[in-house]
Amino acid sequence: MIYLILLQAAPAATNDNPLSQYSSFFLFAAMGLIAYFFMIRPQRKKAKEQTKFTEELKKGAEVVTIGGAHGRVAEVEGDT
């Protein structure tokens, strides 16, 4: 209760720097750019490479699965 009274009695802090009103916007924009370059862009690049790999896959190609099984492609069916 006393804390609230002290807060009301304290003079409001004024900041005459015109850039301070935009600083939170620039901080948020910088965080967005960092997220894009470190999270979103690499995922898109990886998805593009995987799509390219599956499109170029042909019968008889040697492949290795995620589990480590080695094999050859026997048949390629459309988009599956």
PDB file of N, CA and C in Angstrom:
ATOM      1  N   MET A   1       0.819  -1.182   0.000  1.00  0.00           N
ATOM      2  CA  MET A   1       0.000   0.000   0.000  1.00  0.00           C
ATOM      3  C   MET A   1       0.872   1.259   0.000  1.00  0.00           C
ATOM      4  N   ILE A   2       1.860   1.284   0.858  1.00  0.00           N
ATOM      5  CA  ILE A   2       2.749   2.442   0.920  1.00  0.00           C
ATOM      6  C   ILE A   2       3.524   2.569  -0.393  1.00  0.00           C
ATOM      7  N   TYR A   3       3.839   1.423  -0.985  1.00  0.00           N
ATOM      8  CA  TYR A   3       4.573   1.428  -2.254  1.00  0.00           C
ATOM      9  C   TYR A   3       3.776   2.148  -3.336  1.00  0.00           C
ATOM     10  N   LEU A   4       2.471   1.911  -3.387  1.00  0.00           N
ATOM     11  CA  LEU A   4       1.627   2.589  -4.375  1.00  0.00           C
ATOM     12  C   LEU A   4       1.584   4.093  -4.136  1.00  0.00           C
ATOM     13  N   ILE A   5       1.536   4.493  -2.884  1.00  0.00           N
ATOM     14  CA  ILE A   5       1.519   5.920  -2.563  1.00  0.00           C
ATOM     15  C   ILE A   5       2.836   6.571  -2.985  1.00  0.00           C
ATOM     16  N   LEU A   6       3.943   5.870  -2.724  1.00  0.00           N
ATOM     17  CA  LEU A   6       5.244   6.409  -3.119  1.00  0.00           C
ATOM     18  C   LEU A   6       5.370   6.515  -4.636  1.00  0.00           C
ATOM     19  N   LEU A   7       4.811   5.543  -5.346  1.00  0.00           N
ATOM     20  CA  LEU A   7       4.857   5.596  -6.807  1.00  0.00           C
ATOM     21  C   LEU A   7       4.069   6.779  -7.349  1.00  0.00           C
ATOM     22  N   GLN A   8       2.931   7.058  -6.725  1.00  0.00           N
ATOM     23  CA  GLN A   8       2.120   8.178  -7.181  1.00  0.00           C
ATOM     24  C   GLN A   8       2.774   9.514  -6.850  1.00  0.00           C
ATOM     25  N   ALA A   9       3.511   9.556  -5.767  1.00  0.00           N
ATOM     26  CA  ALA A   9       4.154  10.797  -5.351  1.00  0.00           C
ATOM     27  C   ALA A   9       5.417  11.083  -6.154  1.00  0.00           C
ATOM     28  N   ALA A  10       6.032  10.051  -6.709  1.00  0.00           N
ATOM     29  CA  ALA A  10       7.273  10.233  -7.456  1.00  0.00           C
ATOM     30  C   ALA A  10       6.985  10.930  -8.779  1.00  0.00           C
ATOM     31  N   PRO A  11       7.846  11.843  -9.177  1.00  0.00           N
ATOM     32  CA  PRO A  11       7.637  12.517 -10.467  1.00  0.00           C
ATOM     33  C   PRO A  11       7.836  11.530 -11.623  1.00  0.00           C
ATOM     34  N   ALA A  12       7.066  11.711 -12.639  1.00  0.00           N
ATOM     35  CA  ALA A  12       7.156  10.831 -13.805  1.00  0.00           C
ATOM     36  C   ALA A  12       8.468  11.077 -14.527  1.00  0.00           C
ATOM     37  N   ALA A  13       9.093  10.003 -14.937  1.00  0.00           N
ATOM     38  CA  ALA A  13      10.359  10.119 -15.663  1.00  0.00           C
ATOM     39  C   ALA A  13      10.071  10.549 -17.095  1.00  0.00           C
ATOM     40  N   THR A  14      10.731  11.582 -17.519  1.00  0.00           N
ATOM     41  CA  THR A  14      10.561  12.048 -18.892  1.00  0.00           C
ATOM     42  C   THR A  14      11.832  11.767 -19.662  1.00  0.00           C
ATOM     43  N   ASN A  15      11.651  11.342 -20.867  1.00  0.00           N
ATOM     44  CA  ASN A  15      12.789  11.040 -21.723  1.00  0.00           C
ATOM     45  C   ASN A  15      12.643  11.890 -22.981  1.00  0.00           C
ATOM     46  N   ASP A  16      13.534  12.828 -23.151  1.00  0.00           N
ATOM     47  CA  ASP A  16      13.449  13.751 -24.281  1.00  0.00           C
ATOM     48  C   ASP A  16      14.124  13.226 -25.538  1.00  0.00           C
ATOM     49  N   ASN A  17      14.661  12.032 -25.478  1.00  0.00           N
ATOM     50  CA  ASN A  17      15.343  11.448 -26.629  1.00  0.00           C
ATOM     51  C   ASN A  17      14.292  10.963 -27.633  1.00  0.00           C
ATOM     52  N   PRO A  18      14.259  11.501 -28.852  1.00  0.00           N
ATOM     53  CA  PRO A  18      13.239  11.085 -29.828  1.00  0.00           C
ATOM     54  C   PRO A  18      13.412   9.641 -30.300  1.00  0.00           C
ATOM     55  N   LEU A  19      14.604   9.085 -30.185  1.00  0.00           N
ATOM     56  CA  LEU A  19      14.814   7.707 -30.626  1.00  0.00           C
ATOM     57  C   LEU A  19      14.276   6.685 -29.637  1.00  0.00           C
ATOM     58  N   SER A  20      14.050   7.076 -28.399  1.00  0.00           N
ATOM     59  CA  SER A  20      13.606   6.122 -27.389  1.00  0.00           C
ATOM     60  C   SER A  20      12.209   5.578 -27.686  1.00  0.00           C
ATOM     61  N   GLN A  21      11.386   6.352 -28.355  1.00  0.00           N
ATOM     62  CA  GLN A  21      10.044   5.879 -28.658  1.00  0.00           C
ATOM     63  C   GLN A  21      10.046   4.795 -29.747  1.00  0.00           C
ATOM     64  N   TYR A  22      11.104   4.731 -30.535  1.00  0.00           N
ATOM     65  CA  TYR A  22      11.196   3.721 -31.580  1.00  0.00           C
ATOM     66  C   TYR A  22      12.090   2.547 -31.188  1.00  0.00           C
ATOM     67  N   SER A  23      12.737   2.628 -30.054  1.00  0.00           N
ATOM     68  CA  SER A  23      13.702   1.590 -29.676  1.00  0.00           C
ATOM     69  C   SER A  23      13.042   0.228 -29.508  1.00  0.00           C
ATOM     70  N   SER A  24      11.842   0.178 -28.945  1.00  0.00           N
ATOM     71  CA  SER A  24      11.177  -1.117 -28.779  1.00  0.00           C
ATOM     72  C   SER A  24      10.797  -1.707 -30.138  1.00  0.00           C
ATOM     73  N   PHE A  25      10.424  -0.860 -31.079  1.00  0.00           N
ATOM     74  CA  PHE A  25      10.108  -1.350 -32.419  1.00  0.00           C
ATOM     75  C   PHE A  25      11.339  -1.944 -33.087  1.00  0.00           C
ATOM     76  N   PHE A  26      12.470  -1.236 -32.981  1.00  0.00           N
ATOM     77  CA  PHE A  26      13.702  -1.736 -33.597  1.00  0.00           C
ATOM     78  C   PHE A  26      14.167  -3.025 -32.938  1.00  0.00           C
ATOM     79  N   LEU A  27      13.998  -3.132 -31.641  1.00  0.00           N
ATOM     80  CA  LEU A  27      14.367  -4.353 -30.929  1.00  0.00           C
ATOM     81  C   LEU A  27      13.506  -5.523 -31.408  1.00  0.00           C
ATOM     82  N   PHE A  28      12.208  -5.293 -31.526  1.00  0.00           N
ATOM     83  CA  PHE A  28      11.301  -6.337 -31.995  1.00  0.00           C
ATOM     84  C   PHE A  28      11.623  -6.735 -33.440  1.00  0.00           C
ATOM     85  N   ALA A  29      11.926  -5.757 -34.293  1.00  0.00           N
ATOM     86  CA  ALA A  29      12.281  -6.050 -35.685  1.00  0.00           C
ATOM     87  C   ALA A  29      13.584  -6.837 -35.762  1.00  0.00           C
ATOM     88  N   ALA A  30      14.553  -6.486 -34.928  1.00  0.00           N
ATOM     89  CA  ALA A  30      15.827  -7.210 -34.912  1.00  0.00           C
ATOM     90  C   ALA A  30      15.621  -8.654 -34.464  1.00  0.00           C
ATOM     91  N   MET A  31      14.779  -8.867 -33.476  1.00  0.00           N
ATOM     92  CA  MET A  31      14.499 -10.238 -33.028  1.00  0.00           C
ATOM     93  C   MET A  31      13.808 -11.031 -34.131  1.00  0.00           C
ATOM     94  N   GLY A  32      12.930 -10.379 -34.883  1.00  0.00           N
ATOM     95  CA  GLY A  32      12.271 -11.048 -35.998  1.00  0.00           C
ATOM     96  C   GLY A  32      13.256 -11.450 -37.084  1.00  0.00           C
ATOM     97  N   LEU A  33      14.191 -10.572 -37.397  1.00  0.00           N
ATOM     98  CA  LEU A  33      15.209 -10.890 -38.405  1.00  0.00           C
ATOM     99  C   LEU A  33      16.111 -12.029 -37.945  1.00  0.00           C
ATOM    100  N   ILE A  34      16.485 -12.011 -36.689  1.00  0.00           N
ATOM    101  CA  ILE A  34      17.317 -13.095 -36.154  1.00  0.00           C
ATOM    102  C   ILE A  34      16.571 -14.416 -36.237  1.00  0.00           C
ATOM    103  N   ALA A  35      15.297 -14.416 -35.866  1.00  0.00           N
ATOM    104  CA  ALA A  35      14.495 -15.642 -35.943  1.00  0.00           C
ATOM    105  C   ALA A  35      14.389 -16.120 -37.382  1.00  0.00           C
ATOM    106  N   TYR A  36      14.228 -15.198 -38.325  1.00  0.00           N
ATOM    107  CA  TYR A  36      14.117 -15.582 -39.728  1.00  0.00           C
ATOM    108  C   TYR A  36      15.399 -16.239 -40.221  1.00  0.00           C
ATOM    109  N   PHE A  37      16.537 -15.603 -39.963  1.00  0.00           N
ATOM    110  CA  PHE A  37      17.794 -16.109 -40.506  1.00  0.00           C
ATOM    111  C   PHE A  37      18.311 -17.354 -39.795  1.00  0.00           C
ATOM    112  N   PHE A  38      17.947 -17.559 -38.539  1.00  0.00           N
ATOM    113  CA  PHE A  38      18.457 -18.717 -37.815  1.00  0.00           C
ATOM    114  C   PHE A  38      17.456 -19.857 -37.687  1.00  0.00           C
ATOM    115  N   MET A  39      16.165 -19.614 -37.965  1.00  0.00           N
ATOM    116  CA  MET A  39      15.174 -20.673 -37.799  1.00  0.00           C
ATOM    117  C   MET A  39      14.382 -20.951 -39.077  1.00  0.00           C
ATOM    118  N   ILE A  40      13.782 -19.946 -39.650  1.00  0.00           N
ATOM    119  CA  ILE A  40      12.867 -20.143 -40.771  1.00  0.00           C
ATOM    120  C   ILE A  40      13.614 -20.417 -42.068  1.00  0.00           C
ATOM    121  N   ARG A  41      14.614 -19.611 -42.373  1.00  0.00           N
ATOM    122  CA  ARG A  41      15.346 -19.755 -43.633  1.00  0.00           C
ATOM    123  C   ARG A  41      16.034 -21.116 -43.766  1.00  0.00           C
ATOM    124  N   PRO A  42      16.742 -21.616 -42.735  1.00  0.00           N
ATOM    125  CA  PRO A  42      17.359 -22.942 -42.868  1.00  0.00           C
ATOM    126  C   PRO A  42      16.329 -24.056 -43.067  1.00  0.00           C
ATOM    127  N   GLN A  43      15.156 -23.936 -42.432  1.00  0.00           N
ATOM    128  CA  GLN A  43      14.121 -24.955 -42.603  1.00  0.00           C
ATOM    129  C   GLN A  43      13.604 -24.958 -44.040  1.00  0.00           C
ATOM    130  N   ARG A  44      13.403 -23.781 -44.613  1.00  0.00           N
ATOM    131  CA  ARG A  44      12.949 -23.709 -46.004  1.00  0.00           C
ATOM    132  C   ARG A  44      13.993 -24.278 -46.956  1.00  0.00           C
ATOM    133  N   LYS A  45      15.255 -23.983 -46.689  1.00  0.00           N
ATOM    134  CA  LYS A  45      16.336 -24.489 -47.531  1.00  0.00           C
ATOM    135  C   LYS A  45      16.384 -26.013 -47.465  1.00  0.00           C
ATOM    136  N   LYS A  46      16.237 -26.565 -46.278  1.00  0.00           N
ATOM    137  CA  LYS A  46      16.257 -28.017 -46.102  1.00  0.00           C
ATOM    138  C   LYS A  46      15.059 -28.664 -46.805  1.00  0.00           C
ATOM    139  N   ALA A  47      13.888 -28.057 -46.697  1.00  0.00           N
ATOM    140  CA  ALA A  47      12.699 -28.588 -47.363  1.00  0.00           C
ATOM    141  C   ALA A  47      12.859 -28.544 -48.878  1.00  0.00           C
ATOM    142  N   LYS A  48      13.464 -27.472 -49.390  1.00  0.00           N
ATOM    143  CA  LYS A  48      13.688 -27.351 -50.832  1.00  0.00           C
ATOM    144  C   LYS A  48      14.652 -28.431 -51.322  1.00  0.00           C
ATOM    145  N   GLU A  49      15.725 -28.679 -50.546  1.00  0.00           N
ATOM    146  CA  GLU A  49      16.687 -29.718 -50.916  1.00  0.00           C
ATOM    147  C   GLU A  49      16.038 -31.101 -50.902  1.00  0.00           C
ATOM    148  N   GLN A  50      15.176 -31.350 -49.922  1.00  0.00           N
ATOM    149  CA  GLN A  50      14.504 -32.644 -49.837  1.00  0.00           C
ATOM    150  C   GLN A  50      13.542 -32.829 -51.009  1.00  0.00           C
ATOM    151  N   THR A  51      12.818 -31.785 -51.373  1.00  0.00           N
ATOM    152  CA  THR A  51      11.909 -31.858 -52.513  1.00  0.00           C
ATOM    153  C   THR A  51      12.683 -32.115 -53.798  1.00  0.00           C
ATOM    154  N   LYS A  52      13.805 -31.433 -53.963  1.00  0.00           N
ATOM    155  CA  LYS A  52      14.645 -31.629 -55.144  1.00  0.00           C
ATOM    156  C   LYS A  52      15.156 -33.068 -55.203  1.00  0.00           C
ATOM    157  N   PHE A  53      15.574 -33.607 -54.057  1.00  0.00           N
ATOM    158  CA  PHE A  53      16.075 -34.980 -54.001  1.00  0.00           C
ATOM    159  C   PHE A  53      14.994 -35.981 -54.404  1.00  0.00           C
ATOM    160  N   THR A  54      13.780 -35.819 -53.877  1.00  0.00           N
ATOM    161  CA  THR A  54      12.711 -36.763 -54.207  1.00  0.00           C
ATOM    162  C   THR A  54      12.275 -36.644 -55.661  1.00  0.00           C
ATOM    163  N   GLU A  55      12.351 -35.444 -56.243  1.00  0.00           N
ATOM    164  CA  GLU A  55      11.988 -35.281 -57.650  1.00  0.00           C
ATOM    165  C   GLU A  55      13.013 -35.926 -58.575  1.00  0.00           C
ATOM    166  N   GLU A  56      14.281 -35.937 -58.167  1.00  0.00           N
ATOM    167  CA  GLU A  56      15.343 -36.504 -58.996  1.00  0.00           C
ATOM    168  C   GLU A  56      15.535 -37.999 -58.772  1.00  0.00           C
ATOM    169  N   LEU A  57      14.793 -38.578 -57.852  1.00  0.00           N
ATOM    170  CA  LEU A  57      14.934 -39.996 -57.536  1.00  0.00           C
ATOM    171  C   LEU A  57      14.449 -40.849 -58.701  1.00  0.00           C
ATOM    172  N   LYS A  58      15.266 -41.827 -59.109  1.00  0.00           N
ATOM    173  CA  LYS A  58      14.922 -42.692 -60.238  1.00  0.00           C
ATOM    174  C   LYS A  58      15.084 -44.149 -59.837  1.00  0.00           C
ATOM    175  N   LYS A  59      14.513 -45.011 -60.637  1.00  0.00           N
ATOM    176  CA  LYS A  59      14.609 -46.446 -60.391  1.00  0.00           C
ATOM    177  C   LYS A  59      16.075 -46.882 -60.452  1.00  0.00           C
ATOM    178  N   GLY A  60      16.485 -47.664 -59.451  1.00  0.00           N
ATOM    179  CA  GLY A  60      17.844 -48.171 -59.400  1.00  0.00           C
ATOM    180  C   GLY A  60      18.803 -47.305 -58.599  1.00  0.00           C
ATOM    181  N   ALA A  61      18.346 -46.163 -58.132  1.00  0.00           N
ATOM    182  CA  ALA A  61      19.213 -45.280 -57.344  1.00  0.00           C
ATOM    183  C   ALA A  61      19.466 -45.900 -55.971  1.00  0.00           C
ATOM    184  N   GLU A  62      20.699 -45.777 -55.497  1.00  0.00           N
ATOM    185  CA  GLU A  62      21.035 -46.293 -54.175  1.00  0.00           C
ATOM    186  C   GLU A  62      20.708 -45.233 -53.127  1.00  0.00           C
ATOM    187  N   VAL A  63      20.006 -45.652 -52.069  1.00  0.00           N
ATOM    188  CA  VAL A  63      19.587 -44.729 -51.015  1.00  0.00           C
ATOM    189  C   VAL A  63      19.911 -45.319 -49.648  1.00  0.00           C
ATOM    190  N   VAL A  64      19.966 -44.440 -48.648  1.00  0.00           N
ATOM    191  CA  VAL A  64      20.142 -44.838 -47.252  1.00  0.00           C
ATOM    192  C   VAL A  64      19.005 -44.195 -46.468  1.00  0.00           C
ATOM    193  N   THR A  65      18.247 -45.003 -45.721  1.00  0.00           N
ATOM    194  CA  THR A  65      17.125 -44.474 -44.947  1.00  0.00           C
ATOM    195  C   THR A  65      17.621 -43.808 -43.672  1.00  0.00           C
ATOM    196  N   ILE A  66      16.710 -43.167 -42.969  1.00  0.00           N
ATOM    197  CA  ILE A  66      17.051 -42.515 -41.707  1.00  0.00           C
ATOM    198  C   ILE A  66      17.559 -43.538 -40.700  1.00  0.00           C
ATOM    199  N   GLY A  67      16.999 -44.740 -40.743  1.00  0.00           N
ATOM    200  CA  GLY A  67      17.405 -45.794 -39.822  1.00  0.00           C
ATOM    201  C   GLY A  67      18.731 -46.437 -40.178  1.00  0.00           C
ATOM    202  N   GLY A  68      19.292 -46.100 -41.341  1.00  0.00           N
ATOM    203  CA  GLY A  68      20.589 -46.626 -41.741  1.00  0.00           C
ATOM    204  C   GLY A  68      20.513 -47.802 -42.698  1.00  0.00           C
ATOM    205  N   ALA A  69      19.310 -48.172 -43.133  1.00  0.00           N
ATOM    206  CA  ALA A  69      19.162 -49.286 -44.072  1.00  0.00           C
ATOM    207  C   ALA A  69      19.575 -48.834 -45.473  1.00  0.00           C
ATOM    208  N   HIS A  70      20.426 -49.613 -46.110  1.00  0.00           N
ATOM    209  CA  HIS A  70      20.878 -49.327 -47.472  1.00  0.00           C
ATOM    210  C   HIS A  70      20.005 -50.109 -48.443  1.00  0.00           C
ATOM    211  N   GLY A  71      19.703 -49.497 -49.576  1.00  0.00           N
ATOM    212  CA  GLY A  71      18.885 -50.191 -50.562  1.00  0.00           C
ATOM    213  C   GLY A  71      18.877 -49.474 -51.891  1.00  0.00           C
ATOM    214  N   ARG A  72      18.114 -50.066 -52.827  1.00  0.00           N
ATOM    215  CA  ARG A  72      17.943 -49.471 -54.159  1.00  0.00           C
ATOM    216  C   ARG A  72      16.468 -49.219 -54.394  1.00  0.00           C
ATOM    217  N   VAL A  73      16.192 -48.165 -55.134  1.00  0.00           N
ATOM    218  CA  VAL A  73      14.814 -47.814 -55.454  1.00  0.00           C
ATOM    219  C   VAL A  73      14.313 -48.794 -56.498  1.00  0.00           C
ATOM    220  N   ALA A  74      13.197 -49.476 -56.189  1.00  0.00           N
ATOM    221  CA  ALA A  74      12.621 -50.446 -57.112  1.00  0.00           C
ATOM    222  C   ALA A  74      11.580 -49.799 -58.017  1.00  0.00           C
ATOM    223  N   GLU A  75      10.858 -48.821 -57.480  1.00  0.00           N
ATOM    224  CA  GLU A  75       9.782 -48.206 -58.249  1.00  0.00           C
ATOM    225  C   GLU A  75       9.513 -46.809 -57.696  1.00  0.00           C
ATOM    226  N   VAL A  76       9.198 -45.872 -58.575  1.00  0.00           N
ATOM    227  CA  VAL A  76       8.857 -44.511 -58.161  1.00  0.00           C
ATOM    228  C   VAL A  76       7.422 -44.257 -58.572  1.00  0.00           C
ATOM    229  N   GLU A  77       6.577 -43.880 -57.589  1.00  0.00           N
ATOM    230  CA  GLU A  77       5.162 -43.634 -57.854  1.00  0.00           C
ATOM    231  C   GLU A  77       4.812 -42.179 -57.568  1.00  0.00           C
ATOM    232  N   GLY A  78       4.498 -41.423 -58.536  1.00  0.00           N
ATOM    233  CA  GLY A  78       3.978 -40.060 -58.402  1.00  0.00           C
ATOM    234  C   GLY A  78       4.556 -39.233 -57.270  1.00  0.00           C
ATOM    235  N   ASP A  79       3.670 -38.695 -56.421  1.00  0.00           N
ATOM    236  CA  ASP A  79       4.070 -37.786 -55.347  1.00  0.00           C
ATOM    237  C   ASP A  79       4.273 -38.472 -54.004  1.00  0.00           C
ATOM    238  N   THR A  80       4.100 -39.763 -53.926  1.00  0.00           N
ATOM    239  CA  THR A  80       4.198 -40.431 -52.618  1.00  0.00           C
ATOM    240  C   THR A  80       5.596 -40.831 -52.279  1.00  0.00           C
TER     241      THR A  80
END
